[in-house]
Amino acid sequence: MLYWAAVFFIISIIAAVFGFGGVAAGASSIATILFWIFLVLFIVSLLAGVVRRPRV
């Protein structure tokens, strides 16, 4: 998912350089949404790993 966020971020930068404002804004918002989803899932998986760790 982080890969797709990076792809949309690069698309938005390229579109902004060439002057496609609408495409750049759309790709930027998609990249932002995907990044936050990735971050939340990453934190949830870290917490799940801490909870499931066997006690020695």
PDB file of N, CA and C in Angstrom:
ATOM      1  N   MET A   1       0.829  -1.186   0.000  1.00  0.00           N
ATOM      2  CA  MET A   1       0.000   0.000   0.000  1.00  0.00           C
ATOM      3  C   MET A   1       0.878   1.256   0.000  1.00  0.00           C
ATOM      4  N   LEU A   2       1.982   1.187   0.708  1.00  0.00           N
ATOM      5  CA  LEU A   2       2.905   2.317   0.700  1.00  0.00           C
ATOM      6  C   LEU A   2       3.464   2.528  -0.700  1.00  0.00           C
ATOM      7  N   TYR A   3       3.630   1.437  -1.445  1.00  0.00           N
ATOM      8  CA  TYR A   3       4.085   1.528  -2.835  1.00  0.00           C
ATOM      9  C   TYR A   3       3.108   2.346  -3.677  1.00  0.00           C
ATOM     10  N   TRP A   4       1.813   2.074  -3.526  1.00  0.00           N
ATOM     11  CA  TRP A   4       0.813   2.797  -4.313  1.00  0.00           C
ATOM     12  C   TRP A   4       0.732   4.259  -3.895  1.00  0.00           C
ATOM     13  N   ALA A   5       0.926   4.541  -2.621  1.00  0.00           N
ATOM     14  CA  ALA A   5       0.952   5.930  -2.180  1.00  0.00           C
ATOM     15  C   ALA A   5       2.117   6.665  -2.829  1.00  0.00           C
ATOM     16  N   ALA A   6       3.269   6.009  -2.908  1.00  0.00           N
ATOM     17  CA  ALA A   6       4.428   6.625  -3.551  1.00  0.00           C
ATOM     18  C   ALA A   6       4.197   6.816  -5.044  1.00  0.00           C
ATOM     19  N   VAL A   7       3.552   5.847  -5.690  1.00  0.00           N
ATOM     20  CA  VAL A   7       3.249   5.970  -7.121  1.00  0.00           C
ATOM     21  C   VAL A   7       2.341   7.158  -7.381  1.00  0.00           C
ATOM     22  N   PHE A   8       1.274   7.303  -6.607  1.00  0.00           N
ATOM     23  CA  PHE A   8       0.367   8.426  -6.810  1.00  0.00           C
ATOM     24  C   PHE A   8       1.031   9.753  -6.463  1.00  0.00           C
ATOM     25  N   PHE A   9       1.953   9.747  -5.500  1.00  0.00           N
ATOM     26  CA  PHE A   9       2.692  10.957  -5.175  1.00  0.00           C
ATOM     27  C   PHE A   9       3.566  11.386  -6.354  1.00  0.00           C
ATOM     28  N   ILE A  10       4.240  10.435  -6.981  1.00  0.00           N
ATOM     29  CA  ILE A  10       5.079  10.744  -8.139  1.00  0.00           C
ATOM     30  C   ILE A  10       4.222  11.206  -9.311  1.00  0.00           C
ATOM     31  N   ILE A  11       3.072  10.590  -9.515  1.00  0.00           N
ATOM     32  CA  ILE A  11       2.156  11.026 -10.575  1.00  0.00           C
ATOM     33  C   ILE A  11       1.703  12.453 -10.321  1.00  0.00           C
ATOM     34  N   SER A  12       1.412  12.788  -9.075  1.00  0.00           N
ATOM     35  CA  SER A  12       0.959  14.146  -8.778  1.00  0.00           C
ATOM     36  C   SER A  12       2.069  15.163  -8.998  1.00  0.00           C
ATOM     37  N   ILE A  13       3.311  14.802  -8.688  1.00  0.00           N
ATOM     38  CA  ILE A  13       4.426  15.719  -8.931  1.00  0.00           C
ATOM     39  C   ILE A  13       4.630  15.937 -10.426  1.00  0.00           C
ATOM     40  N   ILE A  14       4.605  14.871 -11.202  1.00  0.00           N
ATOM     41  CA  ILE A  14       4.777  14.991 -12.652  1.00  0.00           C
ATOM     42  C   ILE A  14       3.636  15.798 -13.263  1.00  0.00           C
ATOM     43  N   ALA A  15       2.408  15.557 -12.822  1.00  0.00           N
ATOM     44  CA  ALA A  15       1.266  16.308 -13.347  1.00  0.00           C
ATOM     45  C   ALA A  15       1.357  17.783 -12.965  1.00  0.00           C
ATOM     46  N   ALA A  16       1.856  18.070 -11.780  1.00  0.00           N
ATOM     47  CA  ALA A  16       1.996  19.470 -11.362  1.00  0.00           C
ATOM     48  C   ALA A  16       3.060  20.180 -12.191  1.00  0.00           C
ATOM     49  N   VAL A  17       4.140  19.481 -12.525  1.00  0.00           N
ATOM     50  CA  VAL A  17       5.198  20.082 -13.338  1.00  0.00           C
ATOM     51  C   VAL A  17       4.671  20.430 -14.723  1.00  0.00           C
ATOM     52  N   PHE A  18       3.843  19.576 -15.293  1.00  0.00           N
ATOM     53  CA  PHE A  18       3.312  19.818 -16.623  1.00  0.00           C
ATOM     54  C   PHE A  18       2.064  20.694 -16.625  1.00  0.00           C
ATOM     55  N   GLY A  19       1.594  21.090 -15.457  1.00  0.00           N
ATOM     56  CA  GLY A  19       0.495  22.041 -15.386  1.00  0.00           C
ATOM     57  C   GLY A  19      -0.900  21.447 -15.344  1.00  0.00           C
ATOM     58  N   PHE A  20      -1.015  20.166 -15.092  1.00  0.00           N
ATOM     59  CA  PHE A  20      -2.337  19.544 -14.984  1.00  0.00           C
ATOM     60  C   PHE A  20      -2.788  19.640 -13.530  1.00  0.00           C
ATOM     61  N   GLY A  21      -3.408  20.744 -13.154  1.00  0.00           N
ATOM     62  CA  GLY A  21      -3.763  20.993 -11.766  1.00  0.00           C
ATOM     63  C   GLY A  21      -4.759  20.007 -11.198  1.00  0.00           C
ATOM     64  N   GLY A  22      -5.781  19.668 -11.973  1.00  0.00           N
ATOM     65  CA  GLY A  22      -6.811  18.752 -11.487  1.00  0.00           C
ATOM     66  C   GLY A  22      -6.276  17.352 -11.273  1.00  0.00           C
ATOM     67  N   VAL A  23      -5.463  16.881 -12.206  1.00  0.00           N
ATOM     68  CA  VAL A  23      -4.874  15.545 -12.089  1.00  0.00           C
ATOM     69  C   VAL A  23      -3.913  15.504 -10.905  1.00  0.00           C
ATOM     70  N   ALA A  24      -3.135  16.566 -10.758  1.00  0.00           N
ATOM     71  CA  ALA A  24      -2.176  16.613  -9.649  1.00  0.00           C
ATOM     72  C   ALA A  24      -2.894  16.613  -8.302  1.00  0.00           C
ATOM     73  N   ALA A  25      -3.959  17.374  -8.196  1.00  0.00           N
ATOM     74  CA  ALA A  25      -4.710  17.422  -6.936  1.00  0.00           C
ATOM     75  C   ALA A  25      -5.354  16.075  -6.633  1.00  0.00           C
ATOM     76  N   GLY A  26      -5.899  15.434  -7.646  1.00  0.00           N
ATOM     77  CA  GLY A  26      -6.526  14.126  -7.443  1.00  0.00           C
ATOM     78  C   GLY A  26      -5.527  13.070  -7.036  1.00  0.00           C
ATOM     79  N   ALA A  27      -4.391  13.009  -7.711  1.00  0.00           N
ATOM     80  CA  ALA A  27      -3.374  12.020  -7.384  1.00  0.00           C
ATOM     81  C   ALA A  27      -2.777  12.296  -6.009  1.00  0.00           C
ATOM     82  N   SER A  28      -2.641  13.564  -5.669  1.00  0.00           N
ATOM     83  CA  SER A  28      -2.103  13.913  -4.350  1.00  0.00           C
ATOM     84  C   SER A  28      -3.054  13.487  -3.237  1.00  0.00           C
ATOM     85  N   SER A  29      -4.343  13.689  -3.443  1.00  0.00           N
ATOM     86  CA  SER A  29      -5.297  13.292  -2.410  1.00  0.00           C
ATOM     87  C   SER A  29      -5.367  11.768  -2.271  1.00  0.00           C
ATOM     88  N   ILE A  30      -5.267  11.053  -3.382  1.00  0.00           N
ATOM     89  CA  ILE A  30      -5.251   9.588  -3.317  1.00  0.00           C
ATOM     90  C   ILE A  30      -4.007   9.106  -2.579  1.00  0.00           C
ATOM     91  N   ALA A  31      -2.859   9.716  -2.876  1.00  0.00           N
ATOM     92  CA  ALA A  31      -1.617   9.333  -2.194  1.00  0.00           C
ATOM     93  C   ALA A  31      -1.702   9.600  -0.696  1.00  0.00           C
ATOM     94  N   THR A  32      -2.313  10.719  -0.326  1.00  0.00           N
ATOM     95  CA  THR A  32      -2.459  11.048   1.097  1.00  0.00           C
ATOM     96  C   THR A  32      -3.347  10.041   1.806  1.00  0.00           C
ATOM     97  N   ILE A  33      -4.458   9.689   1.192  1.00  0.00           N
ATOM     98  CA  ILE A  33      -5.387   8.724   1.791  1.00  0.00           C
ATOM     99  C   ILE A  33      -4.716   7.362   1.941  1.00  0.00           C
ATOM    100  N   LEU A  34      -4.017   6.911   0.897  1.00  0.00           N
ATOM    101  CA  LEU A  34      -3.344   5.613   0.967  1.00  0.00           C
ATOM    102  C   LEU A  34      -2.245   5.606   2.022  1.00  0.00           C
ATOM    103  N   PHE A  35      -1.543   6.725   2.174  1.00  0.00           N
ATOM    104  CA  PHE A  35      -0.497   6.800   3.184  1.00  0.00           C
ATOM    105  C   PHE A  35      -1.084   6.664   4.582  1.00  0.00           C
ATOM    106  N   TRP A  36      -2.183   7.359   4.858  1.00  0.00           N
ATOM    107  CA  TRP A  36      -2.777   7.284   6.195  1.00  0.00           C
ATOM    108  C   TRP A  36      -3.349   5.901   6.476  1.00  0.00           C
ATOM    109  N   ILE A  37      -3.935   5.265   5.466  1.00  0.00           N
ATOM    110  CA  ILE A  37      -4.426   3.892   5.646  1.00  0.00           C
ATOM    111  C   ILE A  37      -3.256   2.963   5.957  1.00  0.00           C
ATOM    112  N   PHE A  38      -2.151   3.119   5.216  1.00  0.00           N
ATOM    113  CA  PHE A  38      -0.969   2.308   5.485  1.00  0.00           C
ATOM    114  C   PHE A  38      -0.459   2.532   6.896  1.00  0.00           C
ATOM    115  N   LEU A  39      -0.406   3.780   7.331  1.00  0.00           N
ATOM    116  CA  LEU A  39       0.104   4.094   8.661  1.00  0.00           C
ATOM    117  C   LEU A  39      -0.755   3.471   9.756  1.00  0.00           C
ATOM    118  N   VAL A  40      -2.068   3.548   9.606  1.00  0.00           N
ATOM    119  CA  VAL A  40      -2.972   2.956  10.599  1.00  0.00           C
ATOM    120  C   VAL A  40      -2.807   1.433  10.631  1.00  0.00           C
ATOM    121  N   LEU A  41      -2.745   0.799   9.464  1.00  0.00           N
ATOM    122  CA  LEU A  41      -2.577  -0.656   9.432  1.00  0.00           C
ATOM    123  C   LEU A  41      -1.223  -1.077   9.999  1.00  0.00           C
ATOM    124  N   PHE A  42      -0.196  -0.277   9.776  1.00  0.00           N
ATOM    125  CA  PHE A  42       1.124  -0.566  10.325  1.00  0.00           C
ATOM    126  C   PHE A  42       1.106  -0.515  11.849  1.00  0.00           C
ATOM    127  N   ILE A  43       0.474   0.505  12.402  1.00  0.00           N
ATOM    128  CA  ILE A  43       0.397   0.636  13.859  1.00  0.00           C
ATOM    129  C   ILE A  43      -0.428  -0.493  14.462  1.00  0.00           C
ATOM    130  N   VAL A  44      -1.525  -0.859  13.819  1.00  0.00           N
ATOM    131  CA  VAL A  44      -2.359  -1.959  14.307  1.00  0.00           C
ATOM    132  C   VAL A  44      -1.562  -3.268  14.299  1.00  0.00           C
ATOM    133  N   SER A  45      -0.781  -3.508  13.237  1.00  0.00           N
ATOM    134  CA  SER A  45       0.002  -4.743  13.186  1.00  0.00           C
ATOM    135  C   SER A  45       1.113  -4.744  14.227  1.00  0.00           C
ATOM    136  N   LEU A  46       1.705  -3.587  14.511  1.00  0.00           N
ATOM    137  CA  LEU A  46       2.700  -3.516  15.575  1.00  0.00           C
ATOM    138  C   LEU A  46       2.084  -3.833  16.927  1.00  0.00           C
ATOM    139  N   LEU A  47       0.930  -3.264  17.202  1.00  0.00           N
ATOM    140  CA  LEU A  47       0.255  -3.525  18.480  1.00  0.00           C
ATOM    141  C   LEU A  47      -0.172  -4.986  18.588  1.00  0.00           C
ATOM    142  N   ALA A  48      -0.626  -5.562  17.487  1.00  0.00           N
ATOM    143  CA  ALA A  48      -1.017  -6.972  17.501  1.00  0.00           C
ATOM    144  C   ALA A  48       0.189  -7.864  17.755  1.00  0.00           C
ATOM    145  N   GLY A  49       1.329  -7.488  17.232  1.00  0.00           N
ATOM    146  CA  GLY A  49       2.553  -8.265  17.461  1.00  0.00           C
ATOM    147  C   GLY A  49       3.000  -8.186  18.915  1.00  0.00           C
ATOM    148  N   VAL A  50       2.821  -7.040  19.539  1.00  0.00           N
ATOM    149  CA  VAL A  50       3.203  -6.883  20.944  1.00  0.00           C
ATOM    150  C   VAL A  50       2.261  -7.686  21.831  1.00  0.00           C
ATOM    151  N   VAL A  51       0.979  -7.662  21.505  1.00  0.00           N
ATOM    152  CA  VAL A  51      -0.008  -8.390  22.312  1.00  0.00           C
ATOM    153  C   VAL A  51       0.166  -9.900  22.183  1.00  0.00           C
ATOM    154  N   ARG A  52       0.485 -10.382  21.000  1.00  0.00           N
ATOM    155  CA  ARG A  52       0.586 -11.828  20.766  1.00  0.00           C
ATOM    156  C   ARG A  52       1.957 -12.411  21.100  1.00  0.00           C
ATOM    157  N   ARG A  53       2.896 -11.574  21.477  1.00  0.00           N
ATOM    158  CA  ARG A  53       4.227 -12.065  21.794  1.00  0.00           C
ATOM    159  C   ARG A  53       4.144 -13.001  22.994  1.00  0.00           C
ATOM    160  N   PRO A  54       4.735 -14.202  22.886  1.00  0.00           N
ATOM    161  CA  PRO A  54       4.666 -15.139  24.021  1.00  0.00           C
ATOM    162  C   PRO A  54       5.492 -14.639  25.197  1.00  0.00           C
ATOM    163  N   ARG A  55       4.938 -14.797  26.369  1.00  0.00           N
ATOM    164  CA  ARG A  55       5.629 -14.409  27.601  1.00  0.00           C
ATOM    165  C   ARG A  55       6.585 -15.525  27.999  1.00  0.00           C
ATOM    166  N   VAL A  56       7.811 -15.178  28.278  1.00  0.00           N
ATOM    167  CA  VAL A  56       8.808 -16.194  28.640  1.00  0.00           C
ATOM    168  C   VAL A  56       9.099 -16.122  30.100  1.00  0.00           C
TER     169      VAL A  56
END
